[in-house]
């Protein structure tokens, strides 16, 4: 891959990194606010507290899962940026063959070519 395309992908990855970091910060802030709201709502009756607690627990678990997903994507983006710096960007981590450029445009932080990804999913 030529240096112009590499720099294009670096810029895409940097923008994506900032976007994902902002999403993580927003989720963390939202989670803190929900916790504070629940903690300050102590004047509900017992039945309301149990229902509210169950709803908040469900929402916290869902939010944690979404936040963890964003952190995983952030890690993949950082690995992709590091691979640009080391000269291995766009090379499949498994078979060491070039990853199709269309695949990289769709998901610039992918680690595997489409064939290796399919094999991984079948295991």
C-alpha atoms as a PDB file:
ATOM      1  CA  UNK A   1       0.000   0.000   0.000  1.00  0.00           C
ATOM      2  CA  UNK A   2       1.399   3.404  -0.892  1.00  0.00           C
ATOM      3  CA  UNK A   3       2.248   6.105   1.664  1.00  0.00           C
ATOM      4  CA  UNK A   4      -0.651   8.371   0.654  1.00  0.00           C
ATOM      5  CA  UNK A   5      -3.206   5.640   1.408  1.00  0.00           C
ATOM      6  CA  UNK A   6      -1.413   4.777   4.647  1.00  0.00           C
ATOM      7  CA  UNK A   7      -1.681   8.411   5.779  1.00  0.00           C
ATOM      8  CA  UNK A   8      -5.339   8.469   4.742  1.00  0.00           C
ATOM      9  CA  UNK A   9      -5.977   5.439   6.980  1.00  0.00           C
ATOM     10  CA  UNK A  10      -3.943   7.005   9.813  1.00  0.00           C
ATOM     11  CA  UNK A  11      -6.184  10.094   9.675  1.00  0.00           C
ATOM     12  CA  UNK A  12      -9.333   7.981   9.569  1.00  0.00           C
ATOM     13  CA  UNK A  13      -8.136   5.968  12.560  1.00  0.00           C
ATOM     14  CA  UNK A  14      -7.214   9.091  14.555  1.00  0.00           C
ATOM     15  CA  UNK A  15     -10.672  10.597  13.948  1.00  0.00           C
ATOM     16  CA  UNK A  16     -12.332   7.312  14.874  1.00  0.00           C
ATOM     17  CA  UNK A  17     -10.211   7.112  18.031  1.00  0.00           C
ATOM     18  CA  UNK A  18     -11.352  10.588  19.132  1.00  0.00           C
ATOM     19  CA  UNK A  19     -14.988   9.709  18.389  1.00  0.00           C
ATOM     20  CA  UNK A  20     -14.850   6.463  20.369  1.00  0.00           C
ATOM     21  CA  UNK A  21     -13.042   8.148  23.273  1.00  0.00           C
ATOM     22  CA  UNK A  22     -15.785  10.791  23.376  1.00  0.00           C
ATOM     23  CA  UNK A  23     -18.455   8.065  23.396  1.00  0.00           C
ATOM     24  CA  UNK A  24     -16.720   6.320  26.311  1.00  0.00           C
ATOM     25  CA  UNK A  25     -16.470   9.570  28.296  1.00  0.00           C
ATOM     26  CA  UNK A  26     -20.146  10.308  27.615  1.00  0.00           C
ATOM     27  CA  UNK A  27     -21.184   6.822  28.737  1.00  0.00           C
ATOM     28  CA  UNK A  28     -19.121   7.103  31.918  1.00  0.00           C
ATOM     29  CA  UNK A  29     -20.659  10.486  32.721  1.00  0.00           C
ATOM     30  CA  UNK A  30     -24.160   9.164  32.066  1.00  0.00           C
ATOM     31  CA  UNK A  31     -23.539   6.159  34.319  1.00  0.00           C
ATOM     32  CA  UNK A  32     -22.367   8.424  37.157  1.00  0.00           C
ATOM     33  CA  UNK A  33     -25.448  10.623  36.787  1.00  0.00           C
ATOM     34  CA  UNK A  34     -27.816   7.645  36.824  1.00  0.00           C
ATOM     35  CA  UNK A  35     -26.117   6.302  39.962  1.00  0.00           C
ATOM     36  CA  UNK A  36     -26.409   9.677  41.691  1.00  0.00           C
ATOM     37  CA  UNK A  37     -30.075   9.997  40.700  1.00  0.00           C
ATOM     38  CA  UNK A  38     -30.847   6.543  42.063  1.00  0.00           C
ATOM     39  CA  UNK A  39     -28.935   7.152  45.292  1.00  0.00           C
ATOM     40  CA  UNK A  40     -30.800  10.413  45.916  1.00  0.00           C
ATOM     41  CA  UNK A  41     -34.243   8.857  45.283  1.00  0.00           C
ATOM     42  CA  UNK A  42     -34.470   7.253  48.701  1.00  0.00           C
ATOM     43  CA  UNK A  43     -38.010   8.371  49.528  1.00  0.00           C
ATOM     44  CA  UNK A  44     -39.802   5.792  47.331  1.00  0.00           C
ATOM     45  CA  UNK A  45     -41.739   2.958  48.925  1.00  0.00           C
ATOM     46  CA  UNK A  46     -40.224  -0.543  49.103  1.00  0.00           C
ATOM     47  CA  UNK A  47     -41.982  -1.928  45.996  1.00  0.00           C
ATOM     48  CA  UNK A  48     -40.918   1.061  43.919  1.00  0.00           C
ATOM     49  CA  UNK A  49     -37.328   0.685  45.135  1.00  0.00           C
ATOM     50  CA  UNK A  50     -37.204  -2.993  44.114  1.00  0.00           C
ATOM     51  CA  UNK A  51     -38.600  -2.221  40.648  1.00  0.00           C
ATOM     52  CA  UNK A  52     -36.286   0.741  40.208  1.00  0.00           C
ATOM     53  CA  UNK A  53     -33.329  -1.307  41.393  1.00  0.00           C
ATOM     54  CA  UNK A  54     -34.044  -4.082  38.880  1.00  0.00           C
ATOM     55  CA  UNK A  55     -34.415  -1.594  36.036  1.00  0.00           C
ATOM     56  CA  UNK A  56     -31.246   0.225  36.964  1.00  0.00           C
ATOM     57  CA  UNK A  57     -29.332  -3.050  37.290  1.00  0.00           C
ATOM     58  CA  UNK A  58     -30.454  -4.080  33.812  1.00  0.00           C
ATOM     59  CA  UNK A  59     -29.544  -0.686  32.383  1.00  0.00           C
ATOM     60  CA  UNK A  60     -26.144  -0.712  34.099  1.00  0.00           C
ATOM     61  CA  UNK A  61     -25.330  -4.157  32.703  1.00  0.00           C
ATOM     62  CA  UNK A  62     -26.410  -3.083  29.217  1.00  0.00           C
ATOM     63  CA  UNK A  63     -24.425   0.140  29.467  1.00  0.00           C
ATOM     64  CA  UNK A  64     -21.389  -1.726  30.789  1.00  0.00           C
ATOM     65  CA  UNK A  65     -21.571  -4.103  27.822  1.00  0.00           C
ATOM     66  CA  UNK A  66     -21.816  -1.198  25.354  1.00  0.00           C
ATOM     67  CA  UNK A  67     -18.993   0.619  27.094  1.00  0.00           C
ATOM     68  CA  UNK A  68     -16.821  -2.510  27.033  1.00  0.00           C
ATOM     69  CA  UNK A  69     -17.532  -2.868  23.311  1.00  0.00           C
ATOM     70  CA  UNK A  70     -16.350   0.713  22.742  1.00  0.00           C
ATOM     71  CA  UNK A  71     -13.202   0.036  24.773  1.00  0.00           C
ATOM     72  CA  UNK A  72     -12.500  -3.061  22.660  1.00  0.00           C
ATOM     73  CA  UNK A  73     -12.881  -0.997  19.486  1.00  0.00           C
ATOM     74  CA  UNK A  74     -10.589   1.666  20.930  1.00  0.00           C
ATOM     75  CA  UNK A  75      -7.968  -1.013  21.637  1.00  0.00           C
ATOM     76  CA  UNK A  76      -8.279  -2.298  18.053  1.00  0.00           C
ATOM     77  CA  UNK A  77      -7.865   1.241  16.716  1.00  0.00           C
ATOM     78  CA  UNK A  78      -4.743   1.751  18.803  1.00  0.00           C
ATOM     79  CA  UNK A  79      -3.313  -1.556  17.538  1.00  0.00           C
ATOM     80  CA  UNK A  80      -4.029  -0.457  13.946  1.00  0.00           C
ATOM     81  CA  UNK A  81      -2.274   2.884  14.511  1.00  0.00           C
ATOM     82  CA  UNK A  82       0.700   1.029  16.015  1.00  0.00           C
ATOM     83  CA  UNK A  83       0.766  -1.265  12.975  1.00  0.00           C
ATOM     84  CA  UNK A  84       0.980   1.795  10.714  1.00  0.00           C
ATOM     85  CA  UNK A  85       3.958   2.987  12.757  1.00  0.00           C
ATOM     86  CA  UNK A  86       5.625  -0.424  12.515  1.00  0.00           C
ATOM     87  CA  UNK A  87       4.917  -0.822   8.796  1.00  0.00           C
ATOM     88  CA  UNK A  88       2.558  -3.787   9.108  1.00  0.00           C
ATOM     89  CA  UNK A  89      -0.778  -2.027   8.578  1.00  0.00           C
ATOM     90  CA  UNK A  90      -3.113  -3.816   6.201  1.00  0.00           C
ATOM     91  CA  UNK A  91      -1.444  -7.189   6.712  1.00  0.00           C
ATOM     92  CA  UNK A  92      -3.535 -10.011   8.176  1.00  0.00           C
ATOM     93  CA  UNK A  93      -2.322 -11.006  11.649  1.00  0.00           C
ATOM     94  CA  UNK A  94      -3.072 -14.646  10.928  1.00  0.00           C
ATOM     95  CA  UNK A  95      -2.015 -15.469   7.347  1.00  0.00           C
ATOM     96  CA  UNK A  96       0.251 -12.427   6.819  1.00  0.00           C
ATOM     97  CA  UNK A  97      -1.353 -11.666   3.450  1.00  0.00           C
ATOM     98  CA  UNK A  98      -2.608  -8.153   2.519  1.00  0.00           C
ATOM     99  CA  UNK A  99      -6.106  -7.282   3.709  1.00  0.00           C
ATOM    100  CA  UNK A 100      -8.384  -6.151   0.891  1.00  0.00           C
ATOM    101  CA  UNK A 101      -8.472  -2.357   0.745  1.00  0.00           C
ATOM    102  CA  UNK A 102     -12.282  -2.333   0.533  1.00  0.00           C
ATOM    103  CA  UNK A 103     -12.366  -4.218   3.842  1.00  0.00           C
ATOM    104  CA  UNK A 104      -9.986  -1.692   5.396  1.00  0.00           C
ATOM    105  CA  UNK A 105     -12.150   1.184   4.172  1.00  0.00           C
ATOM    106  CA  UNK A 106     -15.199  -0.396   5.811  1.00  0.00           C
ATOM    107  CA  UNK A 107     -13.375  -1.246   9.073  1.00  0.00           C
ATOM    108  CA  UNK A 108      -9.968   0.424   9.134  1.00  0.00           C
ATOM    109  CA  UNK A 109      -9.015  -1.294  12.394  1.00  0.00           C
ATOM    110  CA  UNK A 110      -9.570  -4.895  11.259  1.00  0.00           C
ATOM    111  CA  UNK A 111      -6.890  -7.391  12.174  1.00  0.00           C
ATOM    112  CA  UNK A 112      -7.753 -10.231   9.800  1.00  0.00           C
ATOM    113  CA  UNK A 113      -8.462 -10.639   6.111  1.00  0.00           C
ATOM    114  CA  UNK A 114     -11.972 -11.821   5.314  1.00  0.00           C
ATOM    115  CA  UNK A 115     -10.938 -15.466   4.861  1.00  0.00           C
ATOM    116  CA  UNK A 116      -9.161 -15.666   8.220  1.00  0.00           C
ATOM    117  CA  UNK A 117     -12.044 -13.871   9.946  1.00  0.00           C
ATOM    118  CA  UNK A 118     -14.493 -16.417   8.519  1.00  0.00           C
ATOM    119  CA  UNK A 119     -12.261 -19.271   9.704  1.00  0.00           C
ATOM    120  CA  UNK A 120     -12.042 -17.726  13.174  1.00  0.00           C
ATOM    121  CA  UNK A 121     -15.820 -17.408  13.411  1.00  0.00           C
ATOM    122  CA  UNK A 122     -16.290 -21.053  12.437  1.00  0.00           C
ATOM    123  CA  UNK A 123     -14.221 -22.296  15.391  1.00  0.00           C
END
